[in-house]
Amino acid sequence: MPNRWVKQPPTRLGWRDYYQIVTSFLMPVLGVMILARSKFAVSYLMPVLVGMAMTAFGLYRISFIIKYFRAKGARRDA
């Protein structure tokens, strides 16, 4: 008996999913840009923290995207 609380990944991605994929790849780029520009800021701590957080969160989201597409490829091959 399948667990009714565990949801299966969708077979097709919607426009919201594609939006999240695009923003996930843009977040590390923006984070690195913030880090590079923070070199010239008067207040150094806040831009560095925000840049590091954006970069880390973007990479974290990208790891889930990669995991999803690998699992989708494994399901298709099986």
N, C-alpha and C. Protein backbone atom coordinates (compact mmCIF):
# COMPACT_ATOMS: atom_id res chain seq x y z
N MET A 1 0.84 -1.18 0.00
CA MET A 1 0.00 0.00 0.00
C MET A 1 0.89 1.25 0.00
N PRO A 2 0.75 2.11 -1.02
CA PRO A 2 1.60 3.30 -1.08
C PRO A 2 1.24 4.28 0.02
N ASN A 3 2.24 5.00 0.45
CA ASN A 3 2.04 6.01 1.48
C ASN A 3 1.36 7.22 0.86
N ARG A 4 0.22 7.60 1.38
CA ARG A 4 -0.54 8.70 0.77
C ARG A 4 0.06 10.06 1.09
N TRP A 5 0.98 10.12 2.05
CA TRP A 5 1.57 11.39 2.43
C TRP A 5 2.80 11.73 1.59
N VAL A 6 3.37 10.73 0.93
CA VAL A 6 4.55 10.96 0.10
C VAL A 6 4.09 11.27 -1.31
N LYS A 7 4.40 12.46 -1.77
CA LYS A 7 3.99 12.86 -3.12
C LYS A 7 5.06 12.47 -4.12
N GLN A 8 4.60 12.02 -5.26
CA GLN A 8 5.51 11.70 -6.35
C GLN A 8 5.82 13.00 -7.10
N PRO A 9 7.03 13.10 -7.65
CA PRO A 9 7.34 14.31 -8.44
C PRO A 9 6.43 14.39 -9.66
N PRO A 10 6.10 15.59 -10.09
CA PRO A 10 5.22 15.72 -11.25
C PRO A 10 5.90 15.21 -12.51
N THR A 11 5.09 14.75 -13.45
CA THR A 11 5.64 14.25 -14.70
C THR A 11 6.07 15.39 -15.62
N ARG A 12 5.35 16.51 -15.54
CA ARG A 12 5.72 17.70 -16.34
C ARG A 12 5.93 18.88 -15.42
N LEU A 13 6.85 19.73 -15.80
CA LEU A 13 7.10 20.94 -15.03
C LEU A 13 6.19 22.05 -15.51
N GLY A 14 5.71 22.84 -14.58
CA GLY A 14 4.87 23.98 -14.91
C GLY A 14 5.72 25.24 -15.07
N TRP A 15 5.05 26.34 -15.37
CA TRP A 15 5.79 27.59 -15.59
C TRP A 15 6.43 28.08 -14.30
N ARG A 16 5.82 27.79 -13.15
CA ARG A 16 6.42 28.19 -11.88
C ARG A 16 7.73 27.44 -11.62
N ASP A 17 7.74 26.18 -12.03
CA ASP A 17 8.97 25.39 -11.86
C ASP A 17 10.09 25.94 -12.73
N TYR A 18 9.76 26.30 -13.97
CA TYR A 18 10.77 26.88 -14.84
C TYR A 18 11.26 28.23 -14.31
N TYR A 19 10.35 29.00 -13.74
CA TYR A 19 10.73 30.28 -13.13
C TYR A 19 11.71 30.05 -11.97
N GLN A 20 11.42 29.06 -11.13
CA GLN A 20 12.31 28.76 -10.01
C GLN A 20 13.66 28.24 -10.49
N ILE A 21 13.68 27.49 -11.58
CA ILE A 21 14.95 27.01 -12.13
C ILE A 21 15.79 28.18 -12.61
N VAL A 22 15.16 29.10 -13.33
CA VAL A 22 15.90 30.27 -13.84
C VAL A 22 16.42 31.12 -12.68
N THR A 23 15.57 31.39 -11.70
CA THR A 23 16.03 32.21 -10.58
C THR A 23 17.08 31.49 -9.75
N SER A 24 17.01 30.17 -9.70
CA SER A 24 18.03 29.42 -8.95
C SER A 24 19.41 29.58 -9.60
N PHE A 25 19.45 29.62 -10.92
CA PHE A 25 20.73 29.79 -11.59
C PHE A 25 21.21 31.24 -11.57
N LEU A 26 20.28 32.19 -11.40
CA LEU A 26 20.68 33.59 -11.33
C LEU A 26 21.15 34.01 -9.94
N MET A 27 20.68 33.32 -8.91
CA MET A 27 21.04 33.71 -7.54
C MET A 27 22.54 33.64 -7.27
N PRO A 28 23.25 32.56 -7.63
CA PRO A 28 24.70 32.57 -7.39
C PRO A 28 25.43 33.66 -8.18
N VAL A 29 24.94 33.93 -9.38
CA VAL A 29 25.55 34.99 -10.19
C VAL A 29 25.39 36.33 -9.49
N LEU A 30 24.19 36.60 -9.01
CA LEU A 30 23.94 37.86 -8.29
C LEU A 30 24.74 37.91 -6.99
N GLY A 31 24.84 36.77 -6.30
CA GLY A 31 25.61 36.73 -5.06
C GLY A 31 27.08 37.04 -5.28
N VAL A 32 27.64 36.49 -6.34
CA VAL A 32 29.05 36.78 -6.65
C VAL A 32 29.23 38.24 -7.05
N MET A 33 28.25 38.78 -7.79
CA MET A 33 28.33 40.20 -8.16
C MET A 33 28.27 41.08 -6.93
N ILE A 34 27.43 40.74 -5.97
CA ILE A 34 27.35 41.51 -4.72
C ILE A 34 28.67 41.42 -3.97
N LEU A 35 29.24 40.22 -3.92
CA LEU A 35 30.53 40.06 -3.24
C LEU A 35 31.62 40.89 -3.91
N ALA A 36 31.63 40.90 -5.24
CA ALA A 36 32.65 41.67 -5.96
C ALA A 36 32.47 43.18 -5.73
N ARG A 37 31.22 43.63 -5.73
CA ARG A 37 30.98 45.06 -5.52
C ARG A 37 31.16 45.48 -4.08
N SER A 38 31.04 44.52 -3.15
CA SER A 38 31.18 44.88 -1.74
C SER A 38 32.61 45.26 -1.38
N LYS A 39 33.52 44.95 -2.27
CA LYS A 39 34.92 45.34 -2.05
C LYS A 39 35.06 46.86 -1.98
N PHE A 40 34.18 47.55 -2.67
CA PHE A 40 34.25 49.00 -2.74
C PHE A 40 33.26 49.69 -1.79
N ALA A 41 32.52 48.91 -1.00
CA ALA A 41 31.52 49.50 -0.11
C ALA A 41 32.16 50.04 1.16
N VAL A 42 31.54 51.05 1.71
CA VAL A 42 32.02 51.62 2.97
C VAL A 42 31.70 50.66 4.11
N SER A 43 30.46 50.18 4.13
CA SER A 43 30.05 49.18 5.11
C SER A 43 30.27 47.81 4.47
N TYR A 44 31.22 47.07 4.97
CA TYR A 44 31.67 45.87 4.29
C TYR A 44 30.91 44.61 4.72
N LEU A 45 30.45 44.54 5.95
CA LEU A 45 29.90 43.30 6.50
C LEU A 45 28.57 42.90 5.86
N MET A 46 27.63 43.80 5.75
CA MET A 46 26.30 43.45 5.24
C MET A 46 26.34 42.97 3.79
N PRO A 47 27.00 43.65 2.87
CA PRO A 47 27.03 43.15 1.50
C PRO A 47 27.71 41.78 1.39
N VAL A 48 28.73 41.54 2.19
CA VAL A 48 29.40 40.23 2.15
C VAL A 48 28.46 39.14 2.64
N LEU A 49 27.74 39.41 3.71
CA LEU A 49 26.80 38.41 4.23
C LEU A 49 25.67 38.12 3.24
N VAL A 50 25.13 39.16 2.62
CA VAL A 50 24.06 38.98 1.65
C VAL A 50 24.58 38.26 0.41
N GLY A 51 25.75 38.62 -0.06
CA GLY A 51 26.33 37.95 -1.23
C GLY A 51 26.61 36.48 -0.96
N MET A 52 27.15 36.18 0.22
CA MET A 52 27.41 34.78 0.56
C MET A 52 26.12 34.00 0.72
N ALA A 53 25.11 34.61 1.31
CA ALA A 53 23.82 33.93 1.49
C ALA A 53 23.15 33.66 0.15
N MET A 54 23.17 34.64 -0.75
CA MET A 54 22.55 34.44 -2.07
C MET A 54 23.27 33.35 -2.84
N THR A 55 24.59 33.36 -2.80
CA THR A 55 25.37 32.34 -3.50
C THR A 55 25.08 30.96 -2.92
N ALA A 56 25.10 30.84 -1.61
CA ALA A 56 24.88 29.54 -0.97
C ALA A 56 23.46 29.04 -1.23
N PHE A 57 22.47 29.91 -1.11
CA PHE A 57 21.09 29.49 -1.32
C PHE A 57 20.84 29.10 -2.77
N GLY A 58 21.43 29.83 -3.71
CA GLY A 58 21.30 29.46 -5.11
C GLY A 58 21.92 28.11 -5.41
N LEU A 59 23.10 27.85 -4.86
CA LEU A 59 23.74 26.54 -5.06
C LEU A 59 22.93 25.43 -4.41
N TYR A 60 22.34 25.72 -3.27
CA TYR A 60 21.48 24.75 -2.58
C TYR A 60 20.27 24.39 -3.44
N ARG A 61 19.65 25.39 -4.04
CA ARG A 61 18.50 25.13 -4.92
C ARG A 61 18.91 24.40 -6.18
N ILE A 62 20.08 24.72 -6.72
CA ILE A 62 20.56 24.02 -7.92
C ILE A 62 20.80 22.55 -7.61
N SER A 63 21.27 22.24 -6.40
CA SER A 63 21.48 20.83 -6.05
C SER A 63 20.16 20.06 -6.10
N PHE A 64 19.06 20.68 -5.68
CA PHE A 64 17.76 20.02 -5.77
C PHE A 64 17.30 19.86 -7.22
N ILE A 65 17.59 20.82 -8.06
CA ILE A 65 17.23 20.73 -9.47
C ILE A 65 17.98 19.58 -10.12
N ILE A 66 19.27 19.48 -9.84
CA ILE A 66 20.07 18.38 -10.40
C ILE A 66 19.55 17.04 -9.91
N LYS A 67 19.23 16.97 -8.61
CA LYS A 67 18.70 15.73 -8.05
C LYS A 67 17.38 15.33 -8.71
N TYR A 68 16.52 16.31 -8.97
CA TYR A 68 15.23 16.04 -9.61
C TYR A 68 15.43 15.48 -11.01
N PHE A 69 16.29 16.11 -11.80
CA PHE A 69 16.46 15.65 -13.18
C PHE A 69 17.19 14.31 -13.26
N ARG A 70 18.08 14.03 -12.31
CA ARG A 70 18.70 12.70 -12.26
C ARG A 70 17.68 11.63 -11.93
N ALA A 71 16.81 11.92 -10.97
CA ALA A 71 15.77 10.96 -10.59
C ALA A 71 14.77 10.77 -11.75
N LYS A 72 14.47 11.84 -12.44
CA LYS A 72 13.56 11.74 -13.58
C LYS A 72 14.19 10.90 -14.69
N GLY A 73 15.48 11.05 -14.92
CA GLY A 73 16.17 10.23 -15.93
C GLY A 73 16.22 8.77 -15.52
N ALA A 74 16.40 8.50 -14.21
CA ALA A 74 16.43 7.12 -13.73
C ALA A 74 15.05 6.47 -13.85
N ARG A 75 13.99 7.24 -13.60
CA ARG A 75 12.64 6.70 -13.74
C ARG A 75 12.33 6.41 -15.21
N ARG A 76 12.81 7.26 -16.10
CA ARG A 76 12.54 7.07 -17.51
C ARG A 76 13.29 5.86 -18.04
N ASP A 77 14.50 5.61 -17.54
CA ASP A 77 15.29 4.47 -17.99
C ASP A 77 14.74 3.14 -17.46
N ALA A 78 14.08 3.20 -16.32
CA ALA A 78 13.59 1.96 -15.69
C ALA A 78 12.33 1.45 -16.34
